[in-house]
PDB file of N, CA and C in Angstrom:
ATOM      1  N   UNK A   1     -25.404   0.737  -9.663  1.00  0.00           N
ATOM      2  CA  UNK A   1     -24.977   2.088  -9.915  1.00  0.00           C
ATOM      3  C   UNK A   1     -23.485   2.200  -9.620  1.00  0.00           C
ATOM      4  N   UNK A   2     -22.737   2.749 -10.540  1.00  0.00           N
ATOM      5  CA  UNK A   2     -21.293   2.897 -10.384  1.00  0.00           C
ATOM      6  C   UNK A   2     -20.975   4.058  -9.447  1.00  0.00           C
ATOM      7  N   UNK A   3     -19.897   3.919  -8.645  1.00  0.00           N
ATOM      8  CA  UNK A   3     -19.500   5.038  -7.787  1.00  0.00           C
ATOM      9  C   UNK A   3     -18.976   6.193  -8.632  1.00  0.00           C
ATOM     10  N   UNK A   4     -19.042   7.378  -8.070  1.00  0.00           N
ATOM     11  CA  UNK A   4     -18.560   8.568  -8.774  1.00  0.00           C
ATOM     12  C   UNK A   4     -17.050   8.468  -8.951  1.00  0.00           C
ATOM     13  N   UNK A   5     -16.526   8.945 -10.081  1.00  0.00           N
ATOM     14  CA  UNK A   5     -15.081   8.901 -10.289  1.00  0.00           C
ATOM     15  C   UNK A   5     -14.344   9.804  -9.296  1.00  0.00           C
ATOM     16  N   UNK A   6     -13.133   9.385  -8.960  1.00  0.00           N
ATOM     17  CA  UNK A   6     -12.293  10.150  -8.039  1.00  0.00           C
ATOM     18  C   UNK A   6     -11.190  10.817  -8.857  1.00  0.00           C
ATOM     19  N   UNK A   7     -11.082  12.122  -8.750  1.00  0.00           N
ATOM     20  CA  UNK A   7     -10.056  12.873  -9.462  1.00  0.00           C
ATOM     21  C   UNK A   7      -8.980  13.309  -8.475  1.00  0.00           C
ATOM     22  N   UNK A   8      -7.762  13.407  -8.952  1.00  0.00           N
ATOM     23  CA  UNK A   8      -6.672  13.850  -8.098  1.00  0.00           C
ATOM     24  C   UNK A   8      -5.989  15.060  -8.726  1.00  0.00           C
ATOM     25  N   UNK A   9      -5.327  15.823  -7.882  1.00  0.00           N
ATOM     26  CA  UNK A   9      -4.580  16.982  -8.351  1.00  0.00           C
ATOM     27  C   UNK A   9      -3.159  16.524  -8.655  1.00  0.00           C
ATOM     28  N   UNK A  10      -2.769  16.621  -9.907  1.00  0.00           N
ATOM     29  CA  UNK A  10      -1.496  16.063 -10.371  1.00  0.00           C
ATOM     30  C   UNK A  10      -0.289  16.614  -9.625  1.00  0.00           C
ATOM     31  N   UNK A  11      -0.320  17.874  -9.192  1.00  0.00           N
ATOM     32  CA  UNK A  11       0.844  18.452  -8.517  1.00  0.00           C
ATOM     33  C   UNK A  11       1.051  17.881  -7.103  1.00  0.00           C
ATOM     34  N   UNK A  12       0.080  17.150  -6.566  1.00  0.00           N
ATOM     35  CA  UNK A  12       0.205  16.545  -5.233  1.00  0.00           C
ATOM     36  C   UNK A  12       0.685  15.098  -5.289  1.00  0.00           C
ATOM     37  N   UNK A  13       0.938  14.570  -6.489  1.00  0.00           N
ATOM     38  CA  UNK A  13       1.328  13.171  -6.665  1.00  0.00           C
ATOM     39  C   UNK A  13       2.628  13.062  -7.451  1.00  0.00           C
ATOM     40  N   UNK A  14       3.334  11.980  -7.192  1.00  0.00           N
ATOM     41  CA  UNK A  14       4.511  11.610  -7.975  1.00  0.00           C
ATOM     42  C   UNK A  14       4.113  10.409  -8.801  1.00  0.00           C
ATOM     43  N   UNK A  15       4.344  10.469 -10.120  1.00  0.00           N
ATOM     44  CA  UNK A  15       4.000   9.340 -10.978  1.00  0.00           C
ATOM     45  C   UNK A  15       5.277   8.610 -11.382  1.00  0.00           C
ATOM     46  N   UNK A  16       5.270   7.296 -11.217  1.00  0.00           N
ATOM     47  CA  UNK A  16       6.435   6.486 -11.555  1.00  0.00           C
ATOM     48  C   UNK A  16       6.370   6.054 -13.020  1.00  0.00           C
ATOM     49  N   UNK A  17       7.420   5.427 -13.495  1.00  0.00           N
ATOM     50  CA  UNK A  17       7.487   4.972 -14.891  1.00  0.00           C
ATOM     51  C   UNK A  17       6.436   3.904 -15.195  1.00  0.00           C
ATOM     52  N   UNK A  18       6.038   3.115 -14.200  1.00  0.00           N
ATOM     53  CA  UNK A  18       5.051   2.052 -14.423  1.00  0.00           C
ATOM     54  C   UNK A  18       3.617   2.532 -14.184  1.00  0.00           C
ATOM     55  N   UNK A  19       3.411   3.840 -14.008  1.00  0.00           N
ATOM     56  CA  UNK A  19       2.072   4.393 -13.882  1.00  0.00           C
ATOM     57  C   UNK A  19       1.539   4.472 -12.465  1.00  0.00           C
ATOM     58  N   UNK A  20       2.367   4.172 -11.466  1.00  0.00           N
ATOM     59  CA  UNK A  20       1.934   4.310 -10.070  1.00  0.00           C
ATOM     60  C   UNK A  20       1.844   5.788  -9.721  1.00  0.00           C
ATOM     61  N   UNK A  21       0.860   6.145  -8.910  1.00  0.00           N
ATOM     62  CA  UNK A  21       0.724   7.515  -8.436  1.00  0.00           C
ATOM     63  C   UNK A  21       0.802   7.484  -6.910  1.00  0.00           C
ATOM     64  N   UNK A  22       1.813   8.171  -6.362  1.00  0.00           N
ATOM     65  CA  UNK A  22       2.040   8.183  -4.921  1.00  0.00           C
ATOM     66  C   UNK A  22       1.917   9.615  -4.429  1.00  0.00           C
ATOM     67  N   UNK A  23       1.041   9.840  -3.448  1.00  0.00           N
ATOM     68  CA  UNK A  23       0.838  11.172  -2.899  1.00  0.00           C
ATOM     69  C   UNK A  23       2.092  11.648  -2.176  1.00  0.00           C
ATOM     70  N   UNK A  24       2.372  12.935  -2.321  1.00  0.00           N
ATOM     71  CA  UNK A  24       3.493  13.528  -1.598  1.00  0.00           C
ATOM     72  C   UNK A  24       3.193  13.629  -0.111  1.00  0.00           C
ATOM     73  N   UNK A  25       1.920  13.471   0.269  1.00  0.00           N
ATOM     74  CA  UNK A  25       1.505  13.567   1.669  1.00  0.00           C
ATOM     75  C   UNK A  25       1.325  12.200   2.323  1.00  0.00           C
ATOM     76  N   UNK A  26       1.829  11.143   1.695  1.00  0.00           N
ATOM     77  CA  UNK A  26       1.775   9.799   2.280  1.00  0.00           C
ATOM     78  C   UNK A  26       3.134   9.466   2.882  1.00  0.00           C
ATOM     79  N   UNK A  27       3.160   8.444   3.732  1.00  0.00           N
ATOM     80  CA  UNK A  27       4.399   8.026   4.396  1.00  0.00           C
ATOM     81  C   UNK A  27       4.753   6.619   3.953  1.00  0.00           C
ATOM     82  N   UNK A  28       5.945   6.466   3.356  1.00  0.00           N
ATOM     83  CA  UNK A  28       6.430   5.153   2.949  1.00  0.00           C
ATOM     84  C   UNK A  28       7.708   4.864   3.730  1.00  0.00           C
ATOM     85  N   UNK A  29       7.592   4.083   4.779  1.00  0.00           N
ATOM     86  CA  UNK A  29       8.745   3.715   5.589  1.00  0.00           C
ATOM     87  C   UNK A  29       9.377   2.467   4.988  1.00  0.00           C
ATOM     88  N   UNK A  30      10.685   2.494   4.761  1.00  0.00           N
ATOM     89  CA  UNK A  30      11.367   1.353   4.158  1.00  0.00           C
ATOM     90  C   UNK A  30      10.976   1.167   2.708  1.00  0.00           C
ATOM     91  N   UNK A  31      11.051   2.230   1.929  1.00  0.00           N
ATOM     92  CA  UNK A  31      10.569   2.202   0.541  1.00  0.00           C
ATOM     93  C   UNK A  31      11.287   1.164  -0.320  1.00  0.00           C
ATOM     94  N   UNK A  32      12.473   0.725   0.043  1.00  0.00           N
ATOM     95  CA  UNK A  32      13.175  -0.303  -0.724  1.00  0.00           C
ATOM     96  C   UNK A  32      12.471  -1.656  -0.630  1.00  0.00           C
ATOM     97  N   UNK A  33      11.579  -1.827   0.359  1.00  0.00           N
ATOM     98  CA  UNK A  33      10.844  -3.079   0.543  1.00  0.00           C
ATOM     99  C   UNK A  33       9.387  -2.981   0.104  1.00  0.00           C
ATOM    100  N   UNK A  34       8.999  -1.892  -0.556  1.00  0.00           N
ATOM    101  CA  UNK A  34       7.631  -1.710  -1.031  1.00  0.00           C
ATOM    102  C   UNK A  34       7.622  -1.887  -2.539  1.00  0.00           C
ATOM    103  N   UNK A  35       6.857  -2.865  -3.031  1.00  0.00           N
ATOM    104  CA  UNK A  35       6.799  -3.172  -4.465  1.00  0.00           C
ATOM    105  C   UNK A  35       5.403  -2.839  -4.969  1.00  0.00           C
ATOM    106  N   UNK A  36       5.326  -1.882  -5.896  1.00  0.00           N
ATOM    107  CA  UNK A  36       4.059  -1.497  -6.521  1.00  0.00           C
ATOM    108  C   UNK A  36       4.099  -2.027  -7.952  1.00  0.00           C
ATOM    109  N   UNK A  37       3.133  -2.861  -8.332  1.00  0.00           N
ATOM    110  CA  UNK A  37       3.186  -3.555  -9.615  1.00  0.00           C
ATOM    111  C   UNK A  37       2.555  -2.815 -10.785  1.00  0.00           C
ATOM    112  N   UNK A  38       2.256  -1.561 -10.666  1.00  0.00           N
ATOM    113  CA  UNK A  38       1.772  -0.793 -11.810  1.00  0.00           C
ATOM    114  C   UNK A  38       0.353  -0.280 -11.648  1.00  0.00           C
ATOM    115  N   UNK A  39       0.163   0.984 -12.009  1.00  0.00           N
ATOM    116  CA  UNK A  39      -1.124   1.666 -11.970  1.00  0.00           C
ATOM    117  C   UNK A  39      -1.785   1.603 -10.603  1.00  0.00           C
ATOM    118  N   UNK A  40      -0.961   1.627  -9.565  1.00  0.00           N
ATOM    119  CA  UNK A  40      -1.442   1.656  -8.188  1.00  0.00           C
ATOM    120  C   UNK A  40      -1.482   3.100  -7.720  1.00  0.00           C
ATOM    121  N   UNK A  41      -2.495   3.443  -6.922  1.00  0.00           N
ATOM    122  CA  UNK A  41      -2.632   4.799  -6.408  1.00  0.00           C
ATOM    123  C   UNK A  41      -2.521   4.757  -4.891  1.00  0.00           C
ATOM    124  N   UNK A  42      -1.578   5.526  -4.348  1.00  0.00           N
ATOM    125  CA  UNK A  42      -1.411   5.683  -2.906  1.00  0.00           C
ATOM    126  C   UNK A  42      -1.874   7.097  -2.585  1.00  0.00           C
ATOM    127  N   UNK A  43      -3.018   7.243  -1.926  1.00  0.00           N
ATOM    128  CA  UNK A  43      -3.593   8.566  -1.652  1.00  0.00           C
ATOM    129  C   UNK A  43      -2.973   9.186  -0.406  1.00  0.00           C
ATOM    130  N   UNK A  44      -3.313  10.454  -0.163  1.00  0.00           N
ATOM    131  CA  UNK A  44      -2.688  11.200   0.936  1.00  0.00           C
ATOM    132  C   UNK A  44      -3.064  10.631   2.302  1.00  0.00           C
ATOM    133  N   UNK A  45      -2.124  10.759   3.231  1.00  0.00           N
ATOM    134  CA  UNK A  45      -2.352  10.296   4.590  1.00  0.00           C
ATOM    135  C   UNK A  45      -2.129   8.811   4.803  1.00  0.00           C
ATOM    136  N   UNK A  46      -1.724   8.081   3.771  1.00  0.00           N
ATOM    137  CA  UNK A  46      -1.488   6.638   3.894  1.00  0.00           C
ATOM    138  C   UNK A  46      -0.144   6.377   4.546  1.00  0.00           C
ATOM    139  N   UNK A  47      -0.064   5.274   5.267  1.00  0.00           N
ATOM    140  CA  UNK A  47       1.191   4.845   5.881  1.00  0.00           C
ATOM    141  C   UNK A  47       1.462   3.426   5.417  1.00  0.00           C
ATOM    142  N   UNK A  48       2.594   3.213   4.737  1.00  0.00           N
ATOM    143  CA  UNK A  48       3.014   1.887   4.291  1.00  0.00           C
ATOM    144  C   UNK A  48       4.292   1.534   5.042  1.00  0.00           C
ATOM    145  N   UNK A  49       4.269   0.444   5.824  1.00  0.00           N
ATOM    146  CA  UNK A  49       5.377   0.072   6.687  1.00  0.00           C
ATOM    147  C   UNK A  49       6.257  -1.001   6.039  1.00  0.00           C
ATOM    148  N   UNK A  50       7.066  -0.609   5.078  1.00  0.00           N
ATOM    149  CA  UNK A  50       8.005  -1.519   4.450  1.00  0.00           C
ATOM    150  C   UNK A  50       9.252  -1.731   5.275  1.00  0.00           C
ATOM    151  N   UNK A  51       9.411  -0.967   6.342  1.00  0.00           N
ATOM    152  CA  UNK A  51      10.577  -1.128   7.211  1.00  0.00           C
ATOM    153  C   UNK A  51      10.480  -2.383   8.076  1.00  0.00           C
ATOM    154  N   UNK A  52       9.281  -2.940   8.204  1.00  0.00           N
ATOM    155  CA  UNK A  52       9.087  -4.134   9.031  1.00  0.00           C
ATOM    156  C   UNK A  52       9.268  -5.421   8.232  1.00  0.00           C
ATOM    157  N   UNK A  53       8.743  -5.456   7.003  1.00  0.00           N
ATOM    158  CA  UNK A  53       8.865  -6.598   6.091  1.00  0.00           C
ATOM    159  C   UNK A  53       8.419  -6.133   4.699  1.00  0.00           C
ATOM    160  N   UNK A  54       8.558  -6.985   3.717  1.00  0.00           N
ATOM    161  CA  UNK A  54       8.228  -6.640   2.339  1.00  0.00           C
ATOM    162  C   UNK A  54       6.724  -6.470   2.149  1.00  0.00           C
ATOM    163  N   UNK A  55       6.327  -5.398   1.432  1.00  0.00           N
ATOM    164  CA  UNK A  55       4.939  -5.157   1.041  1.00  0.00           C
ATOM    165  C   UNK A  55       4.874  -5.250  -0.474  1.00  0.00           C
ATOM    166  N   UNK A  56       4.068  -6.155  -0.999  1.00  0.00           N
ATOM    167  CA  UNK A  56       3.910  -6.312  -2.444  1.00  0.00           C
ATOM    168  C   UNK A  56       2.457  -6.009  -2.789  1.00  0.00           C
ATOM    169  N   UNK A  57       2.235  -4.963  -3.592  1.00  0.00           N
ATOM    170  CA  UNK A  57       0.893  -4.506  -3.922  1.00  0.00           C
ATOM    171  C   UNK A  57       0.637  -4.737  -5.398  1.00  0.00           C
ATOM    172  N   UNK A  58      -0.467  -5.423  -5.723  1.00  0.00           N
ATOM    173  CA  UNK A  58      -0.802  -5.786  -7.095  1.00  0.00           C
ATOM    174  C   UNK A  58      -1.231  -4.613  -7.959  1.00  0.00           C
ATOM    175  N   UNK A  59      -1.395  -4.886  -9.246  1.00  0.00           N
ATOM    176  CA  UNK A  59      -1.771  -3.864 -10.225  1.00  0.00           C
ATOM    177  C   UNK A  59      -3.150  -3.291  -9.944  1.00  0.00           C
ATOM    178  N   UNK A  60      -3.334  -2.031 -10.338  1.00  0.00           N
ATOM    179  CA  UNK A  60      -4.621  -1.342 -10.288  1.00  0.00           C
ATOM    180  C   UNK A  60      -5.242  -1.296  -8.904  1.00  0.00           C
ATOM    181  N   UNK A  61      -4.432  -1.306  -7.870  1.00  0.00           N
ATOM    182  CA  UNK A  61      -4.940  -1.218  -6.497  1.00  0.00           C
ATOM    183  C   UNK A  61      -5.002   0.242  -6.073  1.00  0.00           C
ATOM    184  N   UNK A  62      -5.916   0.539  -5.163  1.00  0.00           N
ATOM    185  CA  UNK A  62      -6.060   1.892  -4.642  1.00  0.00           C
ATOM    186  C   UNK A  62      -5.948   1.823  -3.124  1.00  0.00           C
ATOM    187  N   UNK A  63      -4.979   2.534  -2.581  1.00  0.00           N
ATOM    188  CA  UNK A  63      -4.817   2.642  -1.137  1.00  0.00           C
ATOM    189  C   UNK A  63      -5.421   3.991  -0.766  1.00  0.00           C
ATOM    190  N   UNK A  64      -6.604   3.977  -0.141  1.00  0.00           N
ATOM    191  CA  UNK A  64      -7.388   5.183   0.105  1.00  0.00           C
ATOM    192  C   UNK A  64      -6.801   6.044   1.217  1.00  0.00           C
ATOM    193  N   UNK A  65      -7.363   7.250   1.370  1.00  0.00           N
ATOM    194  CA  UNK A  65      -6.891   8.211   2.369  1.00  0.00           C
ATOM    195  C   UNK A  65      -6.879   7.601   3.762  1.00  0.00           C
ATOM    196  N   UNK A  66      -5.766   7.783   4.460  1.00  0.00           N
ATOM    197  CA  UNK A  66      -5.664   7.341   5.836  1.00  0.00           C
ATOM    198  C   UNK A  66      -5.446   5.854   6.052  1.00  0.00           C
ATOM    199  N   UNK A  67      -5.257   5.093   4.982  1.00  0.00           N
ATOM    200  CA  UNK A  67      -5.049   3.645   5.127  1.00  0.00           C
ATOM    201  C   UNK A  67      -3.677   3.365   5.736  1.00  0.00           C
ATOM    202  N   UNK A  68      -3.608   2.291   6.495  1.00  0.00           N
ATOM    203  CA  UNK A  68      -2.348   1.868   7.103  1.00  0.00           C
ATOM    204  C   UNK A  68      -2.081   0.436   6.666  1.00  0.00           C
ATOM    205  N   UNK A  69      -0.953   0.207   5.983  1.00  0.00           N
ATOM    206  CA  UNK A  69      -0.557  -1.137   5.583  1.00  0.00           C
ATOM    207  C   UNK A  69       0.698  -1.512   6.347  1.00  0.00           C
ATOM    208  N   UNK A  70       0.600  -2.569   7.118  1.00  0.00           N
ATOM    209  CA  UNK A  70       1.783  -3.096   7.798  1.00  0.00           C
ATOM    210  C   UNK A  70       1.719  -4.603   7.717  1.00  0.00           C
ATOM    211  N   UNK A  71       2.866  -5.243   7.672  1.00  0.00           N
ATOM    212  CA  UNK A  71       2.877  -6.696   7.540  1.00  0.00           C
ATOM    213  C   UNK A  71       2.345  -7.373   8.804  1.00  0.00           C
ATOM    214  N   UNK A  72       1.822  -8.590   8.644  1.00  0.00           N
ATOM    215  CA  UNK A  72       1.345  -9.332   9.823  1.00  0.00           C
ATOM    216  C   UNK A  72       2.532  -9.760  10.692  1.00  0.00           C
ATOM    217  N   UNK A  73       2.241 -10.017  11.947  1.00  0.00           N
ATOM    218  CA  UNK A  73       3.316 -10.425  12.844  1.00  0.00           C
ATOM    219  C   UNK A  73       2.844 -11.548  13.759  1.00  0.00           C
ATOM    220  N   UNK A  74       3.816 -12.202  14.358  1.00  0.00           N
ATOM    221  CA  UNK A  74       3.531 -13.250  15.331  1.00  0.00           C
ATOM    222  C   UNK A  74       4.456 -13.037  16.518  1.00  0.00           C
ATOM    223  N   UNK A  75       3.878 -13.115  17.714  1.00  0.00           N
ATOM    224  CA  UNK A  75       4.665 -12.942  18.931  1.00  0.00           C
ATOM    225  C   UNK A  75       5.263 -14.279  19.353  1.00  0.00           C
ATOM    226  N   UNK A  76       6.519 -14.235  19.706  1.00  0.00           N
ATOM    227  CA  UNK A  76       7.224 -15.398  20.227  1.00  0.00           C
ATOM    228  C   UNK A  76       7.779 -15.048  21.602  1.00  0.00           C
ATOM    229  N   UNK A  77       8.273 -16.042  22.303  1.00  0.00           N
ATOM    230  CA  UNK A  77       8.838 -15.803  23.631  1.00  0.00           C
ATOM    231  C   UNK A  77      10.029 -14.846  23.574  1.00  0.00           C
ATOM    232  N   UNK A  78      10.782 -14.903  22.471  1.00  0.00           N
ATOM    233  CA  UNK A  78      11.981 -14.068  22.356  1.00  0.00           C
ATOM    234  C   UNK A  78      11.745 -12.783  21.573  1.00  0.00           C
ATOM    235  N   UNK A  79      10.514 -12.502  21.181  1.00  0.00           N
ATOM    236  CA  UNK A  79      10.252 -11.266  20.447  1.00  0.00           C
ATOM    237  C   UNK A  79       9.126 -11.417  19.443  1.00  0.00           C
ATOM    238  N   UNK A  80       9.197 -10.614  18.395  1.00  0.00           N
ATOM    239  CA  UNK A  80       8.151 -10.550  17.377  1.00  0.00           C
ATOM    240  C   UNK A  80       8.777 -10.816  16.011  1.00  0.00           C
ATOM    241  N   UNK A  81       8.063 -11.574  15.170  1.00  0.00           N
ATOM    242  CA  UNK A  81       8.510 -11.824  13.793  1.00  0.00           C
ATOM    243  C   UNK A  81       7.469 -11.255  12.831  1.00  0.00           C
ATOM    244  N   UNK A  82       7.920 -10.493  11.839  1.00  0.00           N
ATOM    245  CA  UNK A  82       7.035  -9.947  10.811  1.00  0.00           C
ATOM    246  C   UNK A  82       7.151 -10.783   9.546  1.00  0.00           C
ATOM    247  N   UNK A  83       6.035 -10.906   8.811  1.00  0.00           N
ATOM    248  CA  UNK A  83       5.981 -11.712   7.596  1.00  0.00           C
ATOM    249  C   UNK A  83       5.600 -10.828   6.409  1.00  0.00           C
ATOM    250  N   UNK A  84       6.007 -11.187   5.199  1.00  0.00           N
ATOM    251  CA  UNK A  84       5.687 -10.370   4.016  1.00  0.00           C
ATOM    252  C   UNK A  84       4.174 -10.226   3.807  1.00  0.00           C
ATOM    253  N   UNK A  85       3.779  -9.080   3.294  1.00  0.00           N
ATOM    254  CA  UNK A  85       2.380  -8.801   2.983  1.00  0.00           C
ATOM    255  C   UNK A  85       2.213  -8.800   1.467  1.00  0.00           C
ATOM    256  N   UNK A  86       1.277  -9.587   0.941  1.00  0.00           N
ATOM    257  CA  UNK A  86       0.997  -9.654  -0.493  1.00  0.00           C
ATOM    258  C   UNK A  86      -0.448  -9.244  -0.722  1.00  0.00           C
ATOM    259  N   UNK A  87      -0.634  -8.193  -1.492  1.00  0.00           N
ATOM    260  CA  UNK A  87      -1.969  -7.703  -1.796  1.00  0.00           C
ATOM    261  C   UNK A  87      -2.248  -7.932  -3.268  1.00  0.00           C
ATOM    262  N   UNK A  88      -3.374  -8.528  -3.600  1.00  0.00           N
ATOM    263  CA  UNK A  88      -3.709  -8.858  -4.979  1.00  0.00           C
ATOM    264  C   UNK A  88      -4.051  -7.644  -5.825  1.00  0.00           C
ATOM    265  N   UNK A  89      -4.412  -7.900  -7.070  1.00  0.00           N
ATOM    266  CA  UNK A  89      -4.771  -6.835  -7.999  1.00  0.00           C
ATOM    267  C   UNK A  89      -6.180  -6.323  -7.716  1.00  0.00           C
ATOM    268  N   UNK A  90      -6.438  -5.065  -8.053  1.00  0.00           N
ATOM    269  CA  UNK A  90      -7.746  -4.425  -7.924  1.00  0.00           C
ATOM    270  C   UNK A  90      -8.232  -4.389  -6.475  1.00  0.00           C
ATOM    271  N   UNK A  91      -7.336  -4.229  -5.526  1.00  0.00           N
ATOM    272  CA  UNK A  91      -7.684  -4.236  -4.110  1.00  0.00           C
ATOM    273  C   UNK A  91      -7.826  -2.821  -3.573  1.00  0.00           C
ATOM    274  N   UNK A  92      -8.643  -2.668  -2.503  1.00  0.00           N
ATOM    275  CA  UNK A  92      -8.865  -1.364  -1.886  1.00  0.00           C
ATOM    276  C   UNK A  92      -8.968  -1.499  -0.364  1.00  0.00           C
ATOM    277  N   UNK A  93      -7.854  -1.774   0.339  1.00  0.00           N
ATOM    278  CA  UNK A  93      -7.921  -1.933   1.792  1.00  0.00           C
ATOM    279  C   UNK A  93      -7.941  -0.601   2.531  1.00  0.00           C
ATOM    280  N   UNK A  94      -8.367  -0.609   3.796  1.00  0.00           N
ATOM    281  CA  UNK A  94      -8.326   0.577   4.644  1.00  0.00           C
ATOM    282  C   UNK A  94      -7.286   0.418   5.744  1.00  0.00           C
ATOM    283  N   UNK A  95      -7.435  -0.607   6.572  1.00  0.00           N
ATOM    284  CA  UNK A  95      -6.439  -0.921   7.591  1.00  0.00           C
ATOM    285  C   UNK A  95      -6.149  -2.396   7.461  1.00  0.00           C
ATOM    286  N   UNK A  96      -4.884  -2.764   7.410  1.00  0.00           N
ATOM    287  CA  UNK A  96      -4.606  -4.173   7.176  1.00  0.00           C
ATOM    288  C   UNK A  96      -3.443  -4.686   7.996  1.00  0.00           C
ATOM    289  N   UNK A  97      -3.520  -5.949   8.289  1.00  0.00           N
ATOM    290  CA  UNK A  97      -2.436  -6.704   8.892  1.00  0.00           C
ATOM    291  C   UNK A  97      -2.581  -8.130   8.390  1.00  0.00           C
ATOM    292  N   UNK A  98      -2.641  -8.294   7.093  1.00  0.00           N
ATOM    293  CA  UNK A  98      -2.871  -9.594   6.488  1.00  0.00           C
ATOM    294  C   UNK A  98      -1.622 -10.076   5.776  1.00  0.00           C
ATOM    295  N   UNK A  99      -1.550 -11.363   5.504  1.00  0.00           N
ATOM    296  CA  UNK A  99      -0.420 -11.867   4.747  1.00  0.00           C
ATOM    297  C   UNK A  99      -0.746 -11.914   3.261  1.00  0.00           C
ATOM    298  N   UNK A 100      -2.020 -12.197   2.903  1.00  0.00           N
ATOM    299  CA  UNK A 100      -2.455 -12.161   1.504  1.00  0.00           C
ATOM    300  C   UNK A 100      -3.861 -11.579   1.450  1.00  0.00           C
ATOM    301  N   UNK A 101      -4.114 -10.746   0.436  1.00  0.00           N
ATOM    302  CA  UNK A 101      -5.398 -10.078   0.297  1.00  0.00           C
ATOM    303  C   UNK A 101      -5.698  -9.928  -1.171  1.00  0.00           C
ATOM    304  N   UNK A 102      -6.909 -10.179  -1.609  1.00  0.00           N
ATOM    305  CA  UNK A 102      -7.293 -10.009  -3.005  1.00  0.00           C
ATOM    306  C   UNK A 102      -6.983 -11.240  -3.840  1.00  0.00           C
ATOM    307  N   UNK A 103      -6.984 -11.045  -5.162  1.00  0.00           N
ATOM    308  CA  UNK A 103      -6.802 -12.173  -6.082  1.00  0.00           C
ATOM    309  C   UNK A 103      -5.358 -12.521  -6.308  1.00  0.00           C
TER     310      UNK A 103
END
């Protein structure tokens, strides 16, 4: 059985030239380091941490309400290092700290 379709209110989203829909109620920190590859939906309440490292999100992905995407990190004696996050196409994460996810 297929899940029920999810509809959005167009006035609450910004649509980009490549068909991405980003909620006005989401938080994109370091937006210059966030790459959306087309037809991706970022729903309200999401936090994308591009200020720490590059986030690359594949086509047709849906970032659901309240999801938090931040790059993975490793602790060292002299501090913390963050690594790029790559999310495949058709992905639907909730909370993540992965380096690669999806196809």
